[in-house]
Amino acid sequence: MEDLLEILEELHDDVDYETCTTLIDDKILDSFDIVTIVAEVNNVFDVQIPAEELIPENFNSAKALYALIERLEDE
């Protein structure tokens, strides 16, 4: 989770990613941020996020995104 938080904080260091659950709903993350996150997750975690997983529920919080990463790592 620490690596993911570092990725997110590089995008927007003024957000409390540990508690925020509305990253997409409140437009904190935009489409360019999502592209960056997908690329960084691929590099850091060696996990490819498929297009069908690019839904708001998976990106609204760091916890949800980390759960997605863990799920994809297990596949």
PDB file of N, CA and C in Angstrom:
ATOM      1  N   MET A   1       0.834  -1.204   0.000  1.00  0.00           N
ATOM      2  CA  MET A   1       0.000   0.000   0.000  1.00  0.00           C
ATOM      3  C   MET A   1       0.869   1.255   0.000  1.00  0.00           C
ATOM      4  N   GLU A   2       2.025   1.163   0.643  1.00  0.00           N
ATOM      5  CA  GLU A   2       2.916   2.320   0.734  1.00  0.00           C
ATOM      6  C   GLU A   2       3.359   2.791  -0.654  1.00  0.00           C
ATOM      7  N   ASP A   3       3.678   1.824  -1.532  1.00  0.00           N
ATOM      8  CA  ASP A   3       4.087   2.175  -2.901  1.00  0.00           C
ATOM      9  C   ASP A   3       2.956   2.871  -3.646  1.00  0.00           C
ATOM     10  N   LEU A   4       1.745   2.396  -3.453  1.00  0.00           N
ATOM     11  CA  LEU A   4       0.589   3.011  -4.106  1.00  0.00           C
ATOM     12  C   LEU A   4       0.387   4.434  -3.598  1.00  0.00           C
ATOM     13  N   LEU A   5       0.493   4.638  -2.307  1.00  0.00           N
ATOM     14  CA  LEU A   5       0.328   5.985  -1.747  1.00  0.00           C
ATOM     15  C   LEU A   5       1.375   6.937  -2.300  1.00  0.00           C
ATOM     16  N   GLU A   6       2.590   6.452  -2.504  1.00  0.00           N
ATOM     17  CA  GLU A   6       3.632   7.294  -3.099  1.00  0.00           C
ATOM     18  C   GLU A   6       3.260   7.703  -4.518  1.00  0.00           C
ATOM     19  N   ILE A   7       2.734   6.762  -5.287  1.00  0.00           N
ATOM     20  CA  ILE A   7       2.301   7.062  -6.656  1.00  0.00           C
ATOM     21  C   ILE A   7       1.225   8.148  -6.632  1.00  0.00           C
ATOM     22  N   LEU A   8       0.238   7.980  -5.771  1.00  0.00           N
ATOM     23  CA  LEU A   8      -0.868   8.933  -5.694  1.00  0.00           C
ATOM     24  C   LEU A   8      -0.409  10.298  -5.210  1.00  0.00           C
ATOM     25  N   GLU A   9       0.470  10.321  -4.218  1.00  0.00           N
ATOM     26  CA  GLU A   9       0.937  11.591  -3.664  1.00  0.00           C
ATOM     27  C   GLU A   9       1.768  12.377  -4.671  1.00  0.00           C
ATOM     28  N   GLU A  10       2.421  11.684  -5.610  1.00  0.00           N
ATOM     29  CA  GLU A  10       3.147  12.397  -6.662  1.00  0.00           C
ATOM     30  C   GLU A  10       2.192  13.144  -7.578  1.00  0.00           C
ATOM     31  N   LEU A  11       0.962  12.647  -7.706  1.00  0.00           N
ATOM     32  CA  LEU A  11      -0.036  13.312  -8.542  1.00  0.00           C
ATOM     33  C   LEU A  11      -0.631  14.528  -7.852  1.00  0.00           C
ATOM     34  N   HIS A  12      -1.059  14.329  -6.610  1.00  0.00           N
ATOM     35  CA  HIS A  12      -1.698  15.393  -5.825  1.00  0.00           C
ATOM     36  C   HIS A  12      -1.263  15.224  -4.367  1.00  0.00           C
ATOM     37  N   ASP A  13      -0.298  15.996  -3.949  1.00  0.00           N
ATOM     38  CA  ASP A  13       0.222  15.828  -2.590  1.00  0.00           C
ATOM     39  C   ASP A  13      -0.630  16.499  -1.516  1.00  0.00           C
ATOM     40  N   ASP A  14      -1.712  17.144  -1.931  1.00  0.00           N
ATOM     41  CA  ASP A  14      -2.575  17.830  -0.970  1.00  0.00           C
ATOM     42  C   ASP A  14      -3.814  17.009  -0.589  1.00  0.00           C
ATOM     43  N   VAL A  15      -3.857  15.749  -0.995  1.00  0.00           N
ATOM     44  CA  VAL A  15      -5.013  14.883  -0.732  1.00  0.00           C
ATOM     45  C   VAL A  15      -4.654  13.856   0.328  1.00  0.00           C
ATOM     46  N   ASP A  16      -5.579  13.623   1.253  1.00  0.00           N
ATOM     47  CA  ASP A  16      -5.386  12.576   2.259  1.00  0.00           C
ATOM     48  C   ASP A  16      -5.928  11.267   1.680  1.00  0.00           C
ATOM     49  N   TYR A  17      -5.059  10.536   1.011  1.00  0.00           N
ATOM     50  CA  TYR A  17      -5.477   9.312   0.323  1.00  0.00           C
ATOM     51  C   TYR A  17      -5.875   8.191   1.284  1.00  0.00           C
ATOM     52  N   GLU A  18      -5.455   8.291   2.529  1.00  0.00           N
ATOM     53  CA  GLU A  18      -5.795   7.239   3.492  1.00  0.00           C
ATOM     54  C   GLU A  18      -7.266   7.302   3.897  1.00  0.00           C
ATOM     55  N   THR A  19      -7.881   8.480   3.784  1.00  0.00           N
ATOM     56  CA  THR A  19      -9.283   8.618   4.204  1.00  0.00           C
ATOM     57  C   THR A  19     -10.241   8.987   3.071  1.00  0.00           C
ATOM     58  N   CYS A  20      -9.749   9.551   1.989  1.00  0.00           N
ATOM     59  CA  CYS A  20     -10.623  10.005   0.900  1.00  0.00           C
ATOM     60  C   CYS A  20     -11.226   8.810   0.159  1.00  0.00           C
ATOM     61  N   THR A  21     -12.541   8.854  -0.025  1.00  0.00           N
ATOM     62  CA  THR A  21     -13.245   7.782  -0.744  1.00  0.00           C
ATOM     63  C   THR A  21     -14.012   8.331  -1.951  1.00  0.00           C
ATOM     64  N   THR A  22     -13.680   9.547  -2.364  1.00  0.00           N
ATOM     65  CA  THR A  22     -14.391  10.188  -3.473  1.00  0.00           C
ATOM     66  C   THR A  22     -13.417  10.793  -4.489  1.00  0.00           C
ATOM     67  N   LEU A  23     -12.340  10.087  -4.763  1.00  0.00           N
ATOM     68  CA  LEU A  23     -11.319  10.626  -5.663  1.00  0.00           C
ATOM     69  C   LEU A  23     -11.861  10.894  -7.058  1.00  0.00           C
ATOM     70  N   ILE A  24     -12.735  10.016  -7.540  1.00  0.00           N
ATOM     71  CA  ILE A  24     -13.344  10.203  -8.862  1.00  0.00           C
ATOM     72  C   ILE A  24     -14.599  11.068  -8.737  1.00  0.00           C
ATOM     73  N   ASP A  25     -15.446  10.743  -7.783  1.00  0.00           N
ATOM     74  CA  ASP A  25     -16.716  11.466  -7.618  1.00  0.00           C
ATOM     75  C   ASP A  25     -16.498  12.967  -7.432  1.00  0.00           C
ATOM     76  N   ASP A  26     -15.462  13.349  -6.698  1.00  0.00           N
ATOM     77  CA  ASP A  26     -15.179  14.765  -6.447  1.00  0.00           C
ATOM     78  C   ASP A  26     -14.191  15.350  -7.453  1.00  0.00           C
ATOM     79  N   LYS A  27     -13.894  14.581  -8.507  1.00  0.00           N
ATOM     80  CA  LYS A  27     -13.015  15.026  -9.596  1.00  0.00           C
ATOM     81  C   LYS A  27     -11.617  15.414  -9.111  1.00  0.00           C
ATOM     82  N   ILE A  28     -11.145  14.726  -8.072  1.00  0.00           N
ATOM     83  CA  ILE A  28      -9.767  14.933  -7.603  1.00  0.00           C
ATOM     84  C   ILE A  28      -8.819  14.308  -8.620  1.00  0.00           C
ATOM     85  N   LEU A  29      -9.175  13.124  -9.109  1.00  0.00           N
ATOM     86  CA  LEU A  29      -8.407  12.463 -10.160  1.00  0.00           C
ATOM     87  C   LEU A  29      -9.125  12.660 -11.488  1.00  0.00           C
ATOM     88  N   ASP A  30      -8.358  13.031 -12.509  1.00  0.00           N
ATOM     89  CA  ASP A  30      -8.944  13.163 -13.842  1.00  0.00           C
ATOM     90  C   ASP A  30      -8.424  12.038 -14.744  1.00  0.00           C
ATOM     91  N   SER A  31      -8.806  12.063 -15.997  1.00  0.00           N
ATOM     92  CA  SER A  31      -8.445  10.971 -16.902  1.00  0.00           C
ATOM     93  C   SER A  31      -6.929  10.857 -17.085  1.00  0.00           C
ATOM     94  N   PHE A  32      -6.227  11.988 -17.082  1.00  0.00           N
ATOM     95  CA  PHE A  32      -4.766  11.937 -17.201  1.00  0.00           C
ATOM     96  C   PHE A  32      -4.142  11.280 -15.977  1.00  0.00           C
ATOM     97  N   ASP A  33      -4.698  11.561 -14.805  1.00  0.00           N
ATOM     98  CA  ASP A  33      -4.223  10.921 -13.577  1.00  0.00           C
ATOM     99  C   ASP A  33      -4.424   9.406 -13.648  1.00  0.00           C
ATOM    100  N   ILE A  34      -5.562   8.985 -14.159  1.00  0.00           N
ATOM    101  CA  ILE A  34      -5.855   7.547 -14.255  1.00  0.00           C
ATOM    102  C   ILE A  34      -4.846   6.864 -15.172  1.00  0.00           C
ATOM    103  N   VAL A  35      -4.549   7.491 -16.309  1.00  0.00           N
ATOM    104  CA  VAL A  35      -3.557   6.931 -17.237  1.00  0.00           C
ATOM    105  C   VAL A  35      -2.210   6.797 -16.533  1.00  0.00           C
ATOM    106  N   THR A  36      -1.821   7.819 -15.777  1.00  0.00           N
ATOM    107  CA  THR A  36      -0.556   7.788 -15.044  1.00  0.00           C
ATOM    108  C   THR A  36      -0.565   6.690 -13.991  1.00  0.00           C
ATOM    109  N   ILE A  37      -1.659   6.572 -13.260  1.00  0.00           N
ATOM    110  CA  ILE A  37      -1.770   5.535 -12.225  1.00  0.00           C
ATOM    111  C   ILE A  37      -1.660   4.148 -12.848  1.00  0.00           C
ATOM    112  N   VAL A  38      -2.368   3.921 -13.946  1.00  0.00           N
ATOM    113  CA  VAL A  38      -2.330   2.613 -14.606  1.00  0.00           C
ATOM    114  C   VAL A  38      -0.896   2.276 -15.024  1.00  0.00           C
ATOM    115  N   ALA A  39      -0.194   3.241 -15.596  1.00  0.00           N
ATOM    116  CA  ALA A  39       1.188   3.007 -16.026  1.00  0.00           C
ATOM    117  C   ALA A  39       2.101   2.739 -14.833  1.00  0.00           C
ATOM    118  N   GLU A  40       1.963   3.522 -13.775  1.00  0.00           N
ATOM    119  CA  GLU A  40       2.804   3.350 -12.588  1.00  0.00           C
ATOM    120  C   GLU A  40       2.517   2.031 -11.872  1.00  0.00           C
ATOM    121  N   VAL A  41       1.255   1.652 -11.789  1.00  0.00           N
ATOM    122  CA  VAL A  41       0.891   0.369 -11.172  1.00  0.00           C
ATOM    123  C   VAL A  41       1.522  -0.769 -11.968  1.00  0.00           C
ATOM    124  N   ASN A  42       1.499  -0.637 -13.281  1.00  0.00           N
ATOM    125  CA  ASN A  42       2.129  -1.646 -14.129  1.00  0.00           C
ATOM    126  C   ASN A  42       3.625  -1.731 -13.833  1.00  0.00           C
ATOM    127  N   ASN A  43       4.278  -0.593 -13.710  1.00  0.00           N
ATOM    128  CA  ASN A  43       5.725  -0.564 -13.451  1.00  0.00           C
ATOM    129  C   ASN A  43       6.084  -1.052 -12.055  1.00  0.00           C
ATOM    130  N   VAL A  44       5.385  -0.561 -11.058  1.00  0.00           N
ATOM    131  CA  VAL A  44       5.740  -0.842  -9.666  1.00  0.00           C
ATOM    132  C   VAL A  44       5.267  -2.223  -9.215  1.00  0.00           C
ATOM    133  N   PHE A  45       4.038  -2.583  -9.568  1.00  0.00           N
ATOM    134  CA  PHE A  45       3.448  -3.829  -9.086  1.00  0.00           C
ATOM    135  C   PHE A  45       3.481  -4.950 -10.124  1.00  0.00           C
ATOM    136  N   ASP A  46       3.902  -4.628 -11.355  1.00  0.00           N
ATOM    137  CA  ASP A  46       3.925  -5.587 -12.451  1.00  0.00           C
ATOM    138  C   ASP A  46       2.538  -6.195 -12.681  1.00  0.00           C
ATOM    139  N   VAL A  47       1.537  -5.321 -12.669  1.00  0.00           N
ATOM    140  CA  VAL A  47       0.139  -5.722 -12.841  1.00  0.00           C
ATOM    141  C   VAL A  47      -0.466  -4.862 -13.948  1.00  0.00           C
ATOM    142  N   GLN A  48      -1.130  -5.514 -14.894  1.00  0.00           N
ATOM    143  CA  GLN A  48      -1.846  -4.799 -15.951  1.00  0.00           C
ATOM    144  C   GLN A  48      -3.304  -4.634 -15.530  1.00  0.00           C
ATOM    145  N   ILE A  49      -3.781  -3.405 -15.522  1.00  0.00           N
ATOM    146  CA  ILE A  49      -5.188  -3.158 -15.200  1.00  0.00           C
ATOM    147  C   ILE A  49      -5.969  -3.181 -16.513  1.00  0.00           C
ATOM    148  N   PRO A  50      -6.832  -4.195 -16.691  1.00  0.00           N
ATOM    149  CA  PRO A  50      -7.589  -4.289 -17.948  1.00  0.00           C
ATOM    150  C   PRO A  50      -8.635  -3.180 -18.066  1.00  0.00           C
ATOM    151  N   ALA A  51      -9.018  -2.876 -19.299  1.00  0.00           N
ATOM    152  CA  ALA A  51      -9.964  -1.788 -19.573  1.00  0.00           C
ATOM    153  C   ALA A  51     -11.268  -1.945 -18.790  1.00  0.00           C
ATOM    154  N   GLU A  52     -11.743  -3.181 -18.644  1.00  0.00           N
ATOM    155  CA  GLU A  52     -13.028  -3.371 -17.941  1.00  0.00           C
ATOM    156  C   GLU A  52     -12.947  -3.047 -16.450  1.00  0.00           C
ATOM    157  N   GLU A  53     -11.726  -2.903 -15.925  1.00  0.00           N
ATOM    158  CA  GLU A  53     -11.552  -2.539 -14.508  1.00  0.00           C
ATOM    159  C   GLU A  53     -11.393  -1.031 -14.316  1.00  0.00           C
ATOM    160  N   LEU A  54     -11.396  -0.270 -15.409  1.00  0.00           N
ATOM    161  CA  LEU A  54     -11.265   1.184 -15.327  1.00  0.00           C
ATOM    162  C   LEU A  54     -12.622   1.812 -15.052  1.00  0.00           C
ATOM    163  N   ILE A  55     -13.122   1.538 -13.851  1.00  0.00           N
ATOM    164  CA  ILE A  55     -14.424   2.048 -13.425  1.00  0.00           C
ATOM    165  C   ILE A  55     -14.234   2.880 -12.154  1.00  0.00           C
ATOM    166  N   PRO A  56     -15.104   3.844 -11.926  1.00  0.00           N
ATOM    167  CA  PRO A  56     -14.936   4.735 -10.766  1.00  0.00           C
ATOM    168  C   PRO A  56     -14.781   3.997  -9.432  1.00  0.00           C
ATOM    169  N   GLU A  57     -15.512   2.900  -9.252  1.00  0.00           N
ATOM    170  CA  GLU A  57     -15.455   2.178  -7.977  1.00  0.00           C
ATOM    171  C   GLU A  57     -14.031   1.714  -7.645  1.00  0.00           C
ATOM    172  N   ASN A  58     -13.242   1.408  -8.669  1.00  0.00           N
ATOM    173  CA  ASN A  58     -11.877   0.933  -8.436  1.00  0.00           C
ATOM    174  C   ASN A  58     -10.882   2.060  -8.187  1.00  0.00           C
ATOM    175  N   PHE A  59     -11.274   3.297  -8.457  1.00  0.00           N
ATOM    176  CA  PHE A  59     -10.349   4.425  -8.340  1.00  0.00           C
ATOM    177  C   PHE A  59     -10.822   5.505  -7.372  1.00  0.00           C
ATOM    178  N   ASN A  60     -11.948   5.295  -6.688  1.00  0.00           N
ATOM    179  CA  ASN A  60     -12.483   6.304  -5.782  1.00  0.00           C
ATOM    180  C   ASN A  60     -11.677   6.422  -4.490  1.00  0.00           C
ATOM    181  N   SER A  61     -10.905   5.400  -4.158  1.00  0.00           N
ATOM    182  CA  SER A  61     -10.081   5.473  -2.944  1.00  0.00           C
ATOM    183  C   SER A  61      -8.805   4.660  -3.151  1.00  0.00           C
ATOM    184  N   ALA A  62      -7.805   4.987  -2.374  1.00  0.00           N
ATOM    185  CA  ALA A  62      -6.557   4.222  -2.425  1.00  0.00           C
ATOM    186  C   ALA A  62      -6.819   2.784  -1.993  1.00  0.00           C
ATOM    187  N   LYS A  63      -7.698   2.605  -1.029  1.00  0.00           N
ATOM    188  CA  LYS A  63      -8.016   1.262  -0.543  1.00  0.00           C
ATOM    189  C   LYS A  63      -8.648   0.417  -1.645  1.00  0.00           C
ATOM    190  N   ALA A  64      -9.582   0.999  -2.399  1.00  0.00           N
ATOM    191  CA  ALA A  64     -10.222   0.267  -3.493  1.00  0.00           C
ATOM    192  C   ALA A  64      -9.222  -0.055  -4.591  1.00  0.00           C
ATOM    193  N   LEU A  65      -8.353   0.881  -4.885  1.00  0.00           N
ATOM    194  CA  LEU A  65      -7.346   0.652  -5.919  1.00  0.00           C
ATOM    195  C   LEU A  65      -6.363  -0.424  -5.481  1.00  0.00           C
ATOM    196  N   TYR A  66      -5.997  -0.409  -4.216  1.00  0.00           N
ATOM    197  CA  TYR A  66      -5.072  -1.432  -3.724  1.00  0.00           C
ATOM    198  C   TYR A  66      -5.732  -2.811  -3.728  1.00  0.00           C
ATOM    199  N   ALA A  67      -7.020  -2.862  -3.419  1.00  0.00           N
ATOM    200  CA  ALA A  67      -7.755  -4.135  -3.473  1.00  0.00           C
ATOM    201  C   ALA A  67      -7.768  -4.670  -4.906  1.00  0.00           C
ATOM    202  N   LEU A  68      -7.929  -3.780  -5.875  1.00  0.00           N
ATOM    203  CA  LEU A  68      -7.886  -4.183  -7.285  1.00  0.00           C
ATOM    204  C   LEU A  68      -6.510  -4.748  -7.627  1.00  0.00           C
ATOM    205  N   ILE A  69      -5.466  -4.068  -7.206  1.00  0.00           N
ATOM    206  CA  ILE A  69      -4.098  -4.530  -7.479  1.00  0.00           C
ATOM    207  C   ILE A  69      -3.880  -5.917  -6.876  1.00  0.00           C
ATOM    208  N   GLU A  70      -4.299  -6.102  -5.630  1.00  0.00           N
ATOM    209  CA  GLU A  70      -4.121  -7.396  -4.975  1.00  0.00           C
ATOM    210  C   GLU A  70      -4.892  -8.497  -5.714  1.00  0.00           C
ATOM    211  N   ARG A  71      -6.103  -8.168  -6.148  1.00  0.00           N
ATOM    212  CA  ARG A  71      -6.930  -9.133  -6.873  1.00  0.00           C
ATOM    213  C   ARG A  71      -6.248  -9.530  -8.184  1.00  0.00           C
ATOM    214  N   LEU A  72      -5.720  -8.553  -8.892  1.00  0.00           N
ATOM    215  CA  LEU A  72      -5.053  -8.824 -10.163  1.00  0.00           C
ATOM    216  C   LEU A  72      -3.744  -9.585  -9.960  1.00  0.00           C
ATOM    217  N   GLU A  73      -3.056  -9.336  -8.867  1.00  0.00           N
ATOM    218  CA  GLU A  73      -1.831 -10.072  -8.579  1.00  0.00           C
ATOM    219  C   GLU A  73      -2.118 -11.553  -8.333  1.00  0.00           C
ATOM    220  N   ASP A  74      -3.294 -11.847  -7.765  1.00  0.00           N
ATOM    221  CA  ASP A  74      -3.663 -13.228  -7.449  1.00  0.00           C
ATOM    222  C   ASP A  74      -4.126 -14.001  -8.677  1.00  0.00           C
ATOM    223  N   GLU A  75      -4.472 -13.290  -9.748  1.00  0.00           N
ATOM    224  CA  GLU A  75      -4.978 -13.969 -10.953  1.00  0.00           C
ATOM    225  C   GLU A  75      -3.849 -14.596 -11.749  1.00  0.00           C
TER     226      GLU A  75
END
